[in-house]
């Protein structure tokens, strides 16, 4: 497990102690320092420029956690921890790594730690590319086991399956999602949450992608289809064409056309989708795994 050095910034000692104990319970975490207001937070961050993670409250004496953003060189190290869900969009705008609702459970914080470790590992990998090749006499960098990245519990979700909240923006590529996670998507001039399981298909639209949900709403996102293919659950969302991928749980029927190509119809969608021959085998294998 890749060890993490983190900072805790919250004005309530009780909350900091709970967060500290929960993080220590997760393991592989070293609490380097704590702060309870904006001036002490700025000083703490300045004193630890190479910190691996910052758990930052939003409501602080004399301001908010967003006031500290200019003092943080890498927002992909920041996990906002707050009792308020209305700041999720703002957190996306400043490109924070994660957004956790209080009280944070060990399971939820473990998800944040996995994302922090992935970010740290990526930095280590990048630095190793800039270094001379490693010889037998040189110790190799410590490696960490790969982990599935998960996302954000919101509100009072049932303990047996906590829902997730994720703001999908241009800066959040590579996040691995689960079916019960909630995505904040753009529908015209409005943004609203849509569960991953309620996405029917995603397809390319010039420099954007269209995300079609079960209620018929279509979100337009500045994300590539490749990014969606990486992020969405691979056992459920399958590429059927270079310009589209579908949620195979929503397939209503399948048939072959006159040319022998496979066509699928999805629930709640009028149009049929033609499956490219290059992706037909992968689709059939995914359906077999799901059925098995």
Protein backbone atom coordinates (compact mmCIF):
# COMPACT_ATOMS: atom_id res chain seq x y z
CA UNK A 1 0.00 0.00 0.00
CA UNK A 2 1.34 3.43 -0.98
CA UNK A 3 1.62 5.56 2.18
CA UNK A 4 0.06 9.02 2.19
CA UNK A 5 1.00 12.15 4.15
CA UNK A 6 -2.09 14.31 4.61
CA UNK A 7 -3.28 17.54 6.22
CA UNK A 8 -6.59 18.07 8.03
CA UNK A 9 -8.29 21.48 7.89
CA UNK A 10 -11.51 21.89 9.87
CA UNK A 11 -12.55 24.40 12.50
CA UNK A 12 -14.22 21.81 14.76
CA UNK A 13 -11.80 19.76 16.88
CA UNK A 14 -14.42 17.02 17.29
CA UNK A 15 -14.77 16.68 13.54
CA UNK A 16 -11.00 16.67 13.03
CA UNK A 17 -10.58 13.97 15.64
CA UNK A 18 -13.28 11.86 13.98
CA UNK A 19 -11.68 12.35 10.59
CA UNK A 20 -8.22 11.59 11.97
CA UNK A 21 -9.34 8.39 13.69
CA UNK A 22 -11.26 7.23 10.65
CA UNK A 23 -8.33 7.84 8.31
CA UNK A 24 -5.99 6.00 10.66
CA UNK A 25 -8.48 3.17 10.73
CA UNK A 26 -8.23 2.96 6.95
CA UNK A 27 -4.46 2.51 7.23
CA UNK A 28 -1.52 3.78 5.23
CA UNK A 29 -2.09 7.39 6.29
CA UNK A 30 0.18 9.75 8.21
CA UNK A 31 -1.49 12.89 9.62
CA UNK A 32 1.24 15.50 9.18
CA UNK A 33 -0.62 18.55 10.50
CA UNK A 34 -3.94 20.17 11.34
CA UNK A 35 -5.42 23.66 11.00
CA UNK A 36 -8.68 25.23 12.17
CA UNK A 37 -8.92 28.52 10.26
CA UNK A 38 -7.80 30.13 7.02
CA UNK A 39 -4.52 31.76 8.24
CA UNK A 40 -3.32 28.58 9.96
CA UNK A 41 -4.37 26.52 6.92
CA UNK A 42 -2.34 28.71 4.57
CA UNK A 43 0.70 28.45 6.84
CA UNK A 44 0.31 24.68 7.08
CA UNK A 45 0.03 24.23 3.31
CA UNK A 46 3.05 26.47 2.71
CA UNK A 47 5.08 24.42 5.17
CA UNK A 48 4.26 21.16 3.36
CA UNK A 49 4.51 21.81 -0.39
CA UNK A 50 4.92 18.10 -1.19
CA UNK A 51 1.97 16.84 0.83
CA UNK A 52 0.01 13.94 -0.68
CA UNK A 53 -3.49 14.99 0.36
CA UNK A 54 -5.49 17.78 1.99
CA UNK A 55 -8.82 17.08 3.67
CA UNK A 56 -10.46 20.50 3.61
CA UNK A 57 -13.68 21.73 5.22
CA UNK A 58 -15.69 24.36 3.36
CA UNK A 59 -17.13 26.42 6.20
CA UNK A 60 -14.22 28.03 8.08
CA UNK A 61 -14.02 31.06 10.41
CA UNK A 62 -13.87 34.23 8.33
CA UNK A 63 -14.36 32.53 4.97
CA UNK A 64 -14.53 29.20 3.17
CA UNK A 65 -12.19 26.49 2.04
CA UNK A 66 -12.42 27.94 -1.47
CA UNK A 67 -10.49 30.99 -0.21
CA UNK A 68 -7.48 28.70 0.27
CA UNK A 69 -7.58 27.34 -3.29
CA UNK A 70 -5.03 29.90 -4.63
CA UNK A 71 -2.56 28.63 -2.02
CA UNK A 72 -2.82 25.02 -3.24
CA UNK A 73 -0.65 24.25 -6.30
CA UNK A 74 -2.31 20.91 -7.06
CA UNK A 75 -6.06 20.70 -6.45
CA UNK A 76 -5.99 17.01 -7.34
CA UNK A 77 -4.69 16.51 -3.80
CA UNK A 78 -7.77 18.14 -2.24
CA UNK A 79 -10.69 16.25 -0.74
CA UNK A 80 -13.47 18.59 0.39
CA UNK A 81 -15.21 17.28 3.51
CA UNK A 82 -18.43 19.13 4.26
CA UNK A 83 -21.95 18.87 5.60
CA UNK A 84 -23.33 20.80 2.61
CA UNK A 85 -23.97 19.25 -0.81
CA UNK A 86 -24.68 22.55 -2.59
CA UNK A 87 -20.97 23.24 -3.06
CA UNK A 88 -20.39 20.20 -5.31
CA UNK A 89 -20.47 22.23 -8.52
CA UNK A 90 -18.03 24.78 -7.10
CA UNK A 91 -15.73 21.94 -6.08
CA UNK A 92 -15.79 20.72 -9.67
CA UNK A 93 -14.98 24.20 -10.95
CA UNK A 94 -11.78 24.33 -8.89
CA UNK A 95 -10.92 20.76 -10.00
CA UNK A 96 -10.88 19.16 -6.55
CA UNK A 97 -10.15 15.45 -6.40
CA UNK A 98 -13.11 14.46 -4.24
CA UNK A 99 -16.15 15.75 -2.35
CA UNK A 100 -17.19 13.87 0.79
CA UNK A 101 -20.24 14.45 2.92
CA UNK A 102 -20.01 14.46 6.73
CA UNK A 103 -19.96 12.29 8.70
CA UNK A 104 -17.40 10.45 6.58
CA UNK A 105 -17.40 6.68 7.02
CA UNK A 106 -14.26 4.51 6.76
CA UNK A 107 -15.64 2.99 3.55
CA UNK A 108 -16.16 6.40 1.98
CA UNK A 109 -12.76 7.75 3.02
CA UNK A 110 -11.13 4.60 1.70
CA UNK A 111 -12.44 5.61 -1.71
CA UNK A 112 -10.84 9.04 -1.39
CA UNK A 113 -7.57 7.47 -0.29
CA UNK A 114 -7.57 5.20 -3.32
CA UNK A 115 -7.90 8.23 -5.56
CA UNK A 116 -5.14 10.06 -3.70
CA UNK A 117 -2.88 7.03 -4.02
CA UNK A 118 -3.60 6.81 -7.74
CA UNK A 119 -2.70 10.49 -8.11
CA UNK A 120 0.50 10.03 -6.10
CA UNK A 121 1.45 6.95 -8.11
CA UNK A 122 0.92 8.90 -11.34
CA UNK A 123 3.26 11.62 -10.05
CA UNK A 124 5.85 9.00 -9.12
CA UNK A 125 5.55 7.41 -12.55
CA UNK A 126 5.97 10.80 -14.24
CA UNK A 127 9.05 11.62 -12.17
CA UNK A 128 10.59 8.23 -12.95
CA UNK A 129 10.28 8.96 -16.67
CA UNK A 130 12.38 12.07 -16.16
CA UNK A 131 15.04 10.20 -14.16
CA UNK A 132 17.96 8.10 -15.55
CA UNK A 133 17.18 4.42 -16.13
CA UNK A 134 17.30 2.34 -12.96
CA UNK A 135 20.27 -0.04 -12.76
CA UNK A 136 20.58 -3.08 -10.55
CA UNK A 137 22.58 -1.03 -8.05
CA UNK A 138 19.79 1.57 -7.71
CA UNK A 139 16.74 0.83 -5.56
CA UNK A 140 13.52 0.92 -7.52
CA UNK A 141 10.68 3.16 -6.35
CA UNK A 142 8.15 1.55 -4.04
CA UNK A 143 5.19 0.25 -5.97
CA UNK A 144 1.60 0.14 -4.88
CA UNK A 145 -1.09 -2.35 -5.72
CA UNK A 146 -3.70 -1.10 -8.14
CA UNK A 147 -7.03 -0.19 -6.62
CA UNK A 148 -10.47 0.46 -7.96
CA UNK A 149 -11.34 4.11 -7.66
CA UNK A 150 -14.77 4.92 -6.35
CA UNK A 151 -16.77 8.04 -5.61
CA UNK A 152 -18.72 10.20 -3.29
CA UNK A 153 -21.47 9.27 -0.78
CA UNK A 154 -24.26 11.80 -0.49
CA UNK A 155 -26.77 12.45 2.23
CA UNK A 156 -28.29 9.57 4.15
CA UNK A 157 -27.84 6.75 1.67
CA UNK A 158 -28.60 3.22 2.92
CA UNK A 159 -25.59 1.73 4.67
CA UNK A 160 -25.71 -1.46 2.58
CA UNK A 161 -25.12 0.49 -0.65
CA UNK A 162 -24.07 4.09 -0.33
CA UNK A 163 -24.86 6.26 -3.31
CA UNK A 164 -22.11 8.30 -4.91
CA UNK A 165 -21.84 11.87 -6.08
CA UNK A 166 -19.47 12.90 -8.82
CA UNK A 167 -19.31 16.07 -10.84
CA UNK A 168 -18.19 15.00 -14.29
CA UNK A 169 -16.11 17.76 -15.77
CA UNK A 170 -13.26 18.13 -18.21
CA UNK A 171 -10.69 17.64 -15.44
CA UNK A 172 -12.01 14.35 -14.04
CA UNK A 173 -10.97 11.82 -16.66
CA UNK A 174 -9.95 8.37 -15.49
CA UNK A 175 -12.31 8.06 -12.54
CA UNK A 176 -13.76 4.56 -12.26
CA UNK A 177 -17.48 4.55 -11.58
CA UNK A 178 -20.02 2.18 -10.10
CA UNK A 179 -23.63 1.80 -11.19
CA UNK A 180 -25.07 3.48 -8.09
CA UNK A 181 -22.86 6.58 -8.39
CA UNK A 182 -24.55 9.89 -9.16
CA UNK A 183 -23.15 12.15 -11.91
CA UNK A 184 -23.80 15.86 -12.22
CA UNK A 185 -24.47 16.29 -15.94
CA UNK A 186 -25.27 19.32 -18.08
CA UNK A 187 -28.72 19.31 -19.70
CA UNK A 188 -28.86 22.51 -21.73
CA UNK A 189 -28.63 25.48 -19.40
CA UNK A 190 -29.27 23.30 -16.35
CA UNK A 191 -27.26 20.66 -14.50
CA UNK A 192 -28.80 17.75 -12.64
CA UNK A 193 -27.76 14.42 -11.17
CA UNK A 194 -28.17 11.15 -13.04
CA UNK A 195 -27.29 7.71 -11.67
CA UNK A 196 -24.77 5.76 -13.71
CA UNK A 197 -27.24 2.86 -13.94
CA UNK A 198 -29.74 5.26 -15.57
CA UNK A 199 -27.44 6.07 -18.49
CA UNK A 200 -28.73 4.22 -21.55
CA UNK A 201 -26.02 5.11 -24.05
CA UNK A 202 -23.24 7.57 -24.78
CA UNK A 203 -22.23 8.63 -28.28
CA UNK A 204 -19.87 11.09 -29.92
CA UNK A 205 -21.19 14.44 -31.11
CA UNK A 206 -18.40 16.44 -32.76
CA UNK A 207 -16.16 17.64 -29.90
CA UNK A 208 -18.69 16.54 -27.28
CA UNK A 209 -20.52 13.40 -26.22
CA UNK A 210 -24.26 12.93 -25.77
CA UNK A 211 -25.35 11.07 -22.64
CA UNK A 212 -28.87 9.65 -22.93
CA UNK A 213 -30.65 8.88 -19.64
CA UNK A 214 -33.65 6.65 -18.94
CA UNK A 215 -35.95 9.66 -18.48
CA UNK A 216 -35.22 10.75 -22.05
CA UNK A 217 -32.98 13.66 -21.07
CA UNK A 218 -29.82 14.11 -23.12
CA UNK A 219 -26.74 15.68 -21.56
CA UNK A 220 -24.03 17.25 -23.70
CA UNK A 221 -20.58 16.87 -22.16
CA UNK A 222 -17.11 17.99 -23.20
CA UNK A 223 -15.66 14.51 -22.69
CA UNK A 224 -14.46 12.04 -25.28
CA UNK A 225 -16.08 8.66 -25.78
CA UNK A 226 -12.75 7.10 -24.79
CA UNK A 227 -12.92 8.84 -21.41
CA UNK A 228 -16.44 7.54 -20.85
CA UNK A 229 -15.37 4.03 -21.88
CA UNK A 230 -12.64 4.10 -19.24
CA UNK A 231 -14.83 5.60 -16.51
CA UNK A 232 -18.09 3.66 -16.89
CA UNK A 233 -18.39 0.11 -15.44
CA UNK A 234 -16.78 -2.10 -18.07
CA UNK A 235 -19.02 -5.09 -17.41
CA UNK A 236 -22.15 -3.05 -18.05
CA UNK A 237 -21.20 -0.38 -20.60
CA UNK A 238 -19.86 -1.82 -23.83
CA UNK A 239 -18.51 -0.15 -26.95
CA UNK A 240 -20.56 -1.24 -29.99
CA UNK A 241 -19.19 1.27 -32.49
CA UNK A 242 -16.32 3.74 -32.64
CA UNK A 243 -18.85 6.50 -31.91
CA UNK A 244 -21.12 4.87 -29.31
CA UNK A 245 -21.28 2.68 -26.22
CA UNK A 246 -24.38 1.27 -24.56
CA UNK A 247 -25.62 0.06 -21.19
CA UNK A 248 -26.22 -3.61 -21.94
CA UNK A 249 -28.71 -3.86 -19.05
CA UNK A 250 -31.04 -1.68 -21.13
CA UNK A 251 -31.06 -3.94 -24.21
CA UNK A 252 -34.64 -4.80 -25.15
CA UNK A 253 -33.94 -6.97 -28.19
CA UNK A 254 -31.24 -7.98 -30.68
CA UNK A 255 -31.46 -9.04 -34.30
CA UNK A 256 -29.38 -9.36 -37.44
CA UNK A 257 -30.08 -7.16 -40.44
CA UNK A 258 -30.01 -8.25 -44.07
CA UNK A 259 -26.26 -7.79 -44.24
CA UNK A 260 -25.62 -10.02 -41.25
CA UNK A 261 -24.80 -7.14 -38.91
CA UNK A 262 -26.10 -7.20 -35.37
CA UNK A 263 -28.63 -4.56 -34.36
CA UNK A 264 -29.78 -3.80 -30.82
CA UNK A 265 -32.76 -1.92 -29.47
CA UNK A 266 -32.60 -0.29 -26.06
CA UNK A 267 -35.46 0.31 -23.67
CA UNK A 268 -36.87 3.84 -23.74
CA UNK A 269 -35.06 4.55 -27.06
CA UNK A 270 -36.82 4.51 -30.43
CA UNK A 271 -33.80 4.18 -32.69
CA UNK A 272 -31.91 0.92 -33.20
CA UNK A 273 -28.11 0.71 -32.95
CA UNK A 274 -25.98 -1.15 -35.45
CA UNK A 275 -23.10 -3.04 -33.86
CA UNK A 276 -19.81 -2.74 -35.71
CA UNK A 277 -18.32 -6.12 -36.62
CA UNK A 278 -15.19 -5.13 -34.73
CA UNK A 279 -17.19 -4.90 -31.49
CA UNK A 280 -19.76 -7.68 -31.95
CA UNK A 281 -17.71 -10.37 -30.20
CA UNK A 282 -16.98 -8.10 -27.23
CA UNK A 283 -20.70 -7.36 -26.88
CA UNK A 284 -21.67 -11.04 -26.95
CA UNK A 285 -18.99 -11.88 -24.39
CA UNK A 286 -20.18 -9.08 -22.09
CA UNK A 287 -23.78 -10.32 -22.33
CA UNK A 288 -22.66 -13.86 -21.55
CA UNK A 289 -20.75 -12.69 -18.46
CA UNK A 290 -23.72 -10.68 -17.27
CA UNK A 291 -26.07 -13.62 -17.76
CA UNK A 292 -23.67 -16.00 -16.03
